[in-house]
Amino acid sequence: MRQISLGVGAVILVIDLATKWFIKTYYLNASHPILDGFLEIRYVENTGIAFGFLDSLESDWKAPILGLLAVLAAVMVFYYIWTTPPRERSNLVALGLILGGVMGNFIDRLIHTFVIDFIRVHWREVVAWPTFNVADSAITSGVILFFLLNLLEAFKSKSAVDEKPNL
């Protein structure tokens, strides 16, 4: 059943790399509104981490350190995949989302020394979410799903303990 994680991760990786190639090929110097005043496609080179954090930091060590962090994240995800019981399919799907996203951004960083972001969500030009990509979406969705599933499991376990009669 661990193949679920690898399959989901592979699908996310392919979609992520394909969309980044498409955006770099066709939208390199262009912006394209999808929902006027709310959603647009805009090519951005992110040398930082998630959502542009640390993008403005200048250091010769930034790229190797961020690459190392991606490798460590992938190792941790593989560890969780290996130790997650096969019956916990939802957790394995969540881990696959995270794995595919981490690998997509890592490959981008290896090829370009930056990550290609292209999804821009904003409200008129008043409020804007940092530009992101498919990998970022998969990582965020996977982490939220993993957290919620394990929180739910903790509540179930606590309820089961609380329901036991005291003798």
Protein backbone atom coordinates (compact mmCIF):
# COMPACT_ATOMS: atom_id res chain seq x y z
CA MET A 1 0.00 0.00 0.00
CA ARG A 2 2.96 2.35 0.31
CA GLN A 3 2.86 2.53 -3.49
CA ILE A 4 -0.03 4.97 -3.01
CA SER A 5 2.44 7.56 -1.72
CA LEU A 6 4.88 6.96 -4.53
CA GLY A 7 2.12 7.05 -7.15
CA VAL A 8 0.60 10.27 -5.82
CA GLY A 9 4.09 11.76 -5.51
CA ALA A 10 4.95 10.81 -9.10
CA VAL A 11 1.71 12.32 -10.43
CA ILE A 12 2.32 15.58 -8.54
CA LEU A 13 5.94 15.67 -9.72
CA VAL A 14 4.97 15.22 -13.38
CA ILE A 15 2.19 17.83 -13.19
CA ASP A 16 4.46 20.27 -11.37
CA LEU A 17 7.38 19.96 -13.79
CA ALA A 18 5.08 20.06 -16.83
CA THR A 19 3.30 23.22 -15.66
CA LYS A 20 6.60 24.92 -14.83
CA TRP A 21 7.98 24.04 -18.28
CA PHE A 22 4.80 25.36 -19.91
CA ILE A 23 4.90 28.62 -17.94
CA LYS A 24 8.62 29.16 -18.58
CA THR A 25 8.12 28.43 -22.29
CA TYR A 26 4.99 30.50 -22.92
CA TYR A 27 4.70 33.07 -20.09
CA LEU A 28 8.31 34.04 -19.37
CA ASN A 29 7.70 37.77 -19.72
CA ALA A 30 3.93 37.84 -19.65
CA SER A 31 1.08 37.95 -17.20
CA HIS A 32 -2.26 36.37 -18.02
CA PRO A 33 -5.42 37.06 -16.00
CA ILE A 34 -7.58 33.99 -15.34
CA LEU A 35 -10.17 35.68 -13.11
CA ASP A 36 -9.78 39.42 -13.54
CA GLY A 37 -8.86 41.11 -10.27
CA PHE A 38 -8.41 37.78 -8.45
CA LEU A 39 -6.29 35.12 -10.19
CA GLU A 40 -3.53 35.34 -12.78
CA ILE A 41 -0.63 33.43 -14.27
CA ARG A 42 2.64 35.29 -13.76
CA TYR A 43 6.17 33.88 -14.11
CA VAL A 44 8.29 34.43 -10.98
CA GLU A 45 11.76 33.13 -10.10
CA ASN A 46 11.74 32.32 -6.40
CA THR A 47 15.23 31.94 -4.93
CA GLY A 48 13.80 31.61 -1.43
CA ILE A 49 11.62 28.97 0.14
CA ALA A 50 7.85 28.61 0.42
CA PHE A 51 5.91 31.63 -0.80
CA GLY A 52 9.05 33.69 -1.44
CA PHE A 53 10.30 33.63 2.16
CA LEU A 54 14.08 34.38 2.19
CA ASP A 55 13.92 35.41 -1.49
CA SER A 56 15.70 38.70 -0.80
CA LEU A 57 18.48 37.08 1.26
CA GLU A 58 21.79 37.28 -0.60
CA SER A 59 24.32 34.57 0.16
CA ASP A 60 26.48 32.11 -1.76
CA TRP A 61 25.32 29.48 0.74
CA LYS A 62 21.59 29.98 0.22
CA ALA A 63 21.12 27.62 -2.75
CA PRO A 64 23.16 24.72 -1.28
CA ILE A 65 21.49 25.07 2.12
CA LEU A 66 18.00 25.17 0.60
CA GLY A 67 18.90 22.13 -1.53
CA LEU A 68 20.10 20.28 1.57
CA LEU A 69 16.88 21.18 3.39
CA ALA A 70 14.89 19.74 0.49
CA VAL A 71 16.89 16.50 0.65
CA LEU A 72 16.32 16.28 4.42
CA ALA A 73 12.59 16.91 3.91
CA ALA A 74 12.43 14.14 1.30
CA VAL A 75 14.27 11.74 3.63
CA MET A 76 11.81 12.55 6.43
CA VAL A 77 8.84 11.99 4.13
CA PHE A 78 10.28 8.65 2.94
CA TYR A 79 10.75 7.68 6.60
CA TYR A 80 7.12 8.51 7.37
CA ILE A 81 5.97 6.60 4.29
CA TRP A 82 8.01 3.57 5.38
CA THR A 83 6.74 3.66 8.98
CA THR A 84 3.08 4.48 8.24
CA PRO A 85 0.90 1.37 8.46
CA PRO A 86 -0.52 0.37 5.05
CA ARG A 87 -4.10 0.62 6.38
CA GLU A 88 -3.63 4.40 6.81
CA ARG A 89 -4.25 5.15 3.14
CA SER A 90 -5.26 8.77 3.70
CA ASN A 91 -2.00 9.48 5.51
CA LEU A 92 -0.11 7.79 2.67
CA VAL A 93 -1.90 10.04 0.14
CA ALA A 94 -0.99 13.11 2.23
CA LEU A 95 2.64 11.98 2.35
CA GLY A 96 2.60 11.42 -1.42
CA LEU A 97 1.40 15.00 -1.94
CA ILE A 98 4.23 16.28 0.23
CA LEU A 99 6.82 14.06 -1.46
CA GLY A 100 5.80 15.09 -4.99
CA GLY A 101 5.88 18.76 -4.06
CA VAL A 102 9.24 18.57 -2.31
CA MET A 103 10.76 16.70 -5.24
CA GLY A 104 9.29 19.11 -7.82
CA ASN A 105 10.75 22.18 -6.14
CA PHE A 106 14.04 20.37 -5.46
CA ILE A 107 14.45 19.42 -9.13
CA ASP A 108 13.61 23.00 -10.12
CA ARG A 109 16.27 24.30 -7.74
CA LEU A 110 18.83 21.81 -9.13
CA ILE A 111 18.14 22.82 -12.73
CA HIS A 112 17.70 26.58 -12.32
CA THR A 113 18.99 27.48 -8.79
CA PHE A 114 15.50 28.91 -8.22
CA VAL A 115 11.93 27.63 -8.17
CA ILE A 116 9.45 28.70 -10.83
CA ASP A 117 6.27 30.09 -9.28
CA PHE A 118 3.35 31.21 -11.41
CA ILE A 119 -0.03 31.18 -9.63
CA ARG A 120 -0.89 34.62 -8.27
CA VAL A 121 -3.99 35.06 -6.14
CA HIS A 122 -4.94 38.60 -5.19
CA TRP A 123 -7.88 40.88 -4.59
CA ARG A 124 -7.73 43.79 -7.00
CA GLU A 125 -4.19 44.94 -6.14
CA VAL A 126 -5.07 45.54 -2.51
CA VAL A 127 -4.27 42.12 -1.03
CA ALA A 128 -2.02 39.52 -2.66
CA TRP A 129 -0.96 36.04 -1.63
CA PRO A 130 2.68 35.26 -2.52
CA THR A 131 2.98 33.65 -5.95
CA PHE A 132 3.16 29.83 -5.78
CA ASN A 133 3.16 26.68 -7.94
CA VAL A 134 1.69 23.16 -8.08
CA ALA A 135 4.42 21.79 -5.79
CA ASP A 136 3.71 24.43 -3.14
CA SER A 137 -0.01 23.62 -3.35
CA ALA A 138 0.66 19.89 -2.98
CA ILE A 139 2.99 20.39 0.00
CA THR A 140 0.52 22.69 1.74
CA SER A 141 -2.44 20.39 1.03
CA GLY A 142 -0.48 17.33 2.13
CA VAL A 143 0.68 18.92 5.39
CA ILE A 144 -2.84 20.14 6.22
CA LEU A 145 -4.37 16.74 5.38
CA PHE A 146 -1.72 14.87 7.39
CA PHE A 147 -2.19 17.20 10.36
CA LEU A 148 -6.01 16.95 10.29
CA LEU A 149 -5.99 13.16 9.91
CA ASN A 150 -3.64 12.74 12.85
CA LEU A 151 -5.54 15.28 14.94
CA LEU A 152 -8.75 13.37 14.23
CA GLU A 153 -7.05 10.10 15.18
CA ALA A 154 -5.80 11.65 18.44
CA PHE A 155 -9.36 12.78 19.29
CA LYS A 156 -10.70 9.29 18.52
CA SER A 157 -8.05 7.70 20.73
CA LYS A 158 -8.78 10.12 23.57
CA SER A 159 -12.52 9.48 23.26
CA ALA A 160 -11.94 5.73 23.39
CA VAL A 161 -9.84 6.12 26.56
CA ASP A 162 -12.41 8.47 28.15
CA GLU A 163 -15.24 6.00 27.47
CA LYS A 164 -13.61 3.13 29.38
CA PRO A 165 -15.38 2.56 32.71
CA ASN A 166 -13.38 3.04 35.90
CA LEU A 167 -13.39 -0.09 38.01
